[in-house]
Amino acid sequence: MNVLAQANEYPILSVFLTMLWFFLWIMWLMLLFWIFADIFRDDTLGGWAKAGWSVFVIILPFLGVFVYLVARGRGMGARQAAAAERKEEAFRAYVQQAAAEGRTGGAAGPGAGAGADELTKLASLRDRGDLTEEEYQRAKAKVLAA
């Protein structure tokens, strides 16, 4: 007996197989979106190469995804790590610039207004999701220490 025939006899097996196919489909969709993000994140690919990979992945989705993973999969993690590192460096540069501006003072001078303005900026960045709670607390501690 094959699995599908058994699934009709045992309803719990049918539910299990349905869930299995559903989660495999979701996993494939996530992989597809991750590949598209990687295609457009990669600065070494030219416009025609990006267009070619995109068309290949759209026209032959299963084959395109597997060929992309074999051909360019090794560098996907490195490109993602480099993007995360660039974001972290940009955040650190912003915090250092904001802290330096807070120390030199704004229109109110080096008094109370500069720190409050900086804390307001940091809170708005955290509320928008640009900063995690941990990053916000570190930046807040730096502003309050100045």
Protein backbone atom coordinates (compact mmCIF):
# COMPACT_ATOMS: atom_id res chain seq x y z
CA MET A 1 0.00 0.00 0.00
CA ASN A 2 1.23 3.45 -0.73
CA VAL A 3 1.22 6.31 1.74
CA LEU A 4 -1.75 8.13 0.19
CA ALA A 5 -3.94 5.05 0.41
CA GLN A 6 -2.99 4.64 4.04
CA ALA A 7 -3.78 8.31 4.65
CA ASN A 8 -7.39 7.68 3.63
CA GLU A 9 -7.63 4.83 6.13
CA TYR A 10 -5.95 6.73 8.97
CA PRO A 11 -7.13 10.37 9.26
CA ILE A 12 -4.28 11.37 11.57
CA LEU A 13 -1.79 10.34 8.87
CA SER A 14 -3.68 12.50 6.41
CA VAL A 15 -3.39 15.47 8.78
CA PHE A 16 0.32 14.77 9.24
CA LEU A 17 0.96 14.60 5.49
CA THR A 18 -1.00 17.81 4.93
CA MET A 19 1.05 19.60 7.60
CA LEU A 20 4.26 18.21 6.13
CA TRP A 21 3.44 19.52 2.64
CA PHE A 22 2.33 22.87 4.09
CA PHE A 23 5.57 23.37 6.03
CA LEU A 24 7.68 22.27 3.07
CA TRP A 25 5.84 24.83 0.93
CA ILE A 26 6.43 27.58 3.52
CA MET A 27 10.11 26.60 3.76
CA TRP A 28 10.46 26.76 -0.03
CA LEU A 29 8.80 30.20 -0.13
CA MET A 30 11.16 31.49 2.55
CA LEU A 31 14.11 30.12 0.58
CA LEU A 32 12.79 31.77 -2.59
CA PHE A 33 12.52 35.20 -0.91
CA TRP A 34 15.95 34.75 0.69
CA ILE A 35 17.43 34.02 -2.74
CA PHE A 36 15.80 37.10 -4.28
CA ALA A 37 17.15 39.24 -1.44
CA ASP A 38 20.60 37.75 -2.00
CA ILE A 39 20.43 38.39 -5.74
CA PHE A 40 19.69 42.06 -5.28
CA ARG A 41 22.01 42.50 -2.27
CA ASP A 42 25.05 41.20 -4.14
CA ASP A 43 27.13 44.09 -5.49
CA THR A 44 29.36 41.81 -7.57
CA LEU A 45 26.51 40.82 -9.90
CA GLY A 46 25.77 43.14 -12.77
CA GLY A 47 22.31 44.14 -13.89
CA TRP A 48 22.07 41.49 -16.61
CA ALA A 49 23.20 38.76 -14.22
CA LYS A 50 20.60 39.83 -11.66
CA ALA A 51 17.94 39.88 -14.36
CA GLY A 52 19.04 36.47 -15.62
CA TRP A 53 18.95 34.85 -12.18
CA SER A 54 15.59 36.47 -11.45
CA VAL A 55 14.05 35.21 -14.70
CA PHE A 56 15.52 31.73 -14.15
CA VAL A 57 14.13 31.54 -10.60
CA ILE A 58 10.71 32.85 -11.73
CA ILE A 59 10.34 30.71 -14.89
CA LEU A 60 11.68 27.46 -13.39
CA PRO A 61 11.24 28.04 -9.65
CA PHE A 62 12.28 24.67 -8.21
CA LEU A 63 15.17 24.13 -10.59
CA GLY A 64 16.19 27.80 -10.36
CA VAL A 65 16.34 27.74 -6.55
CA PHE A 66 18.41 24.55 -6.47
CA VAL A 67 20.79 25.72 -9.20
CA TYR A 68 21.25 29.06 -7.41
CA LEU A 69 22.02 27.28 -4.14
CA VAL A 70 24.60 25.06 -5.83
CA ALA A 71 26.18 27.86 -7.88
CA ARG A 72 26.14 30.73 -5.39
CA GLY A 73 25.03 29.27 -2.06
CA ARG A 74 28.45 29.36 -0.44
CA GLY A 75 28.60 33.17 -0.55
CA MET A 76 25.06 33.79 0.68
CA GLY A 77 26.03 33.68 4.35
CA ALA A 78 29.10 35.85 3.79
CA ARG A 79 27.04 38.50 1.98
CA GLN A 80 24.43 38.48 4.76
CA ALA A 81 27.14 38.77 7.45
CA ALA A 82 28.77 41.66 5.57
CA ALA A 83 25.43 43.47 5.36
CA ALA A 84 24.87 43.01 9.10
CA GLU A 85 28.38 44.28 9.81
CA ARG A 86 27.78 47.39 7.66
CA LYS A 87 24.56 48.08 9.57
CA GLU A 88 26.35 47.72 12.90
CA GLU A 89 29.14 50.07 11.80
CA ALA A 90 26.61 52.64 10.59
CA PHE A 91 24.79 52.43 13.91
CA ARG A 92 27.99 52.87 15.89
CA ALA A 93 29.01 55.85 13.75
CA TYR A 94 25.60 57.43 14.30
CA VAL A 95 25.74 56.92 18.06
CA GLN A 96 29.26 58.35 18.23
CA GLN A 97 28.23 61.34 16.13
CA ALA A 98 25.12 61.89 18.23
CA ALA A 99 27.10 61.62 21.46
CA ALA A 100 29.70 64.09 20.14
CA GLU A 101 26.97 66.55 19.18
CA GLY A 102 25.42 66.12 22.62
CA ARG A 103 28.73 66.95 24.32
CA THR A 104 29.41 70.02 22.22
CA GLY A 105 25.87 71.22 22.76
CA GLY A 106 23.21 72.46 20.41
CA ALA A 107 21.34 75.75 20.49
CA ALA A 108 20.92 75.45 24.25
CA GLY A 109 24.65 74.99 24.78
CA PRO A 110 26.19 72.09 26.63
CA GLY A 111 23.37 72.14 29.14
CA ALA A 112 20.32 69.98 29.78
CA GLY A 113 18.58 70.33 26.41
CA ALA A 114 21.17 68.48 24.32
CA GLY A 115 20.93 65.22 26.29
CA ALA A 116 17.14 65.30 26.28
CA ASP A 117 17.08 65.82 22.51
CA GLU A 118 19.46 62.91 22.02
CA LEU A 119 17.37 60.64 24.24
CA THR A 120 14.29 61.61 22.25
CA LYS A 121 16.06 60.70 18.99
CA LEU A 122 17.18 57.37 20.43
CA ALA A 123 13.67 56.60 21.70
CA SER A 124 12.18 57.32 18.29
CA LEU A 125 14.75 55.03 16.64
CA ARG A 126 13.85 52.28 19.09
CA ASP A 127 10.11 52.78 18.54
CA ARG A 128 10.56 52.53 14.75
CA GLY A 129 12.47 49.26 15.19
CA ASP A 130 15.82 50.61 13.98
CA LEU A 131 17.38 49.88 17.38
CA THR A 132 17.00 46.81 19.56
CA GLU A 133 16.33 47.30 23.25
CA GLU A 134 19.93 46.38 24.09
CA GLU A 135 21.35 48.90 21.59
CA TYR A 136 19.00 51.56 22.93
CA GLN A 137 20.11 50.93 26.52
CA ARG A 138 23.81 51.14 25.56
CA ALA A 139 23.33 54.37 23.63
CA LYS A 140 21.18 55.81 26.42
CA ALA A 141 23.90 55.01 28.97
CA LYS A 142 26.47 56.81 26.82
CA VAL A 143 24.28 59.89 26.48
CA LEU A 144 23.54 60.00 30.20
CA ALA A 145 27.23 59.53 31.06
CA ALA A 146 28.23 62.54 28.95
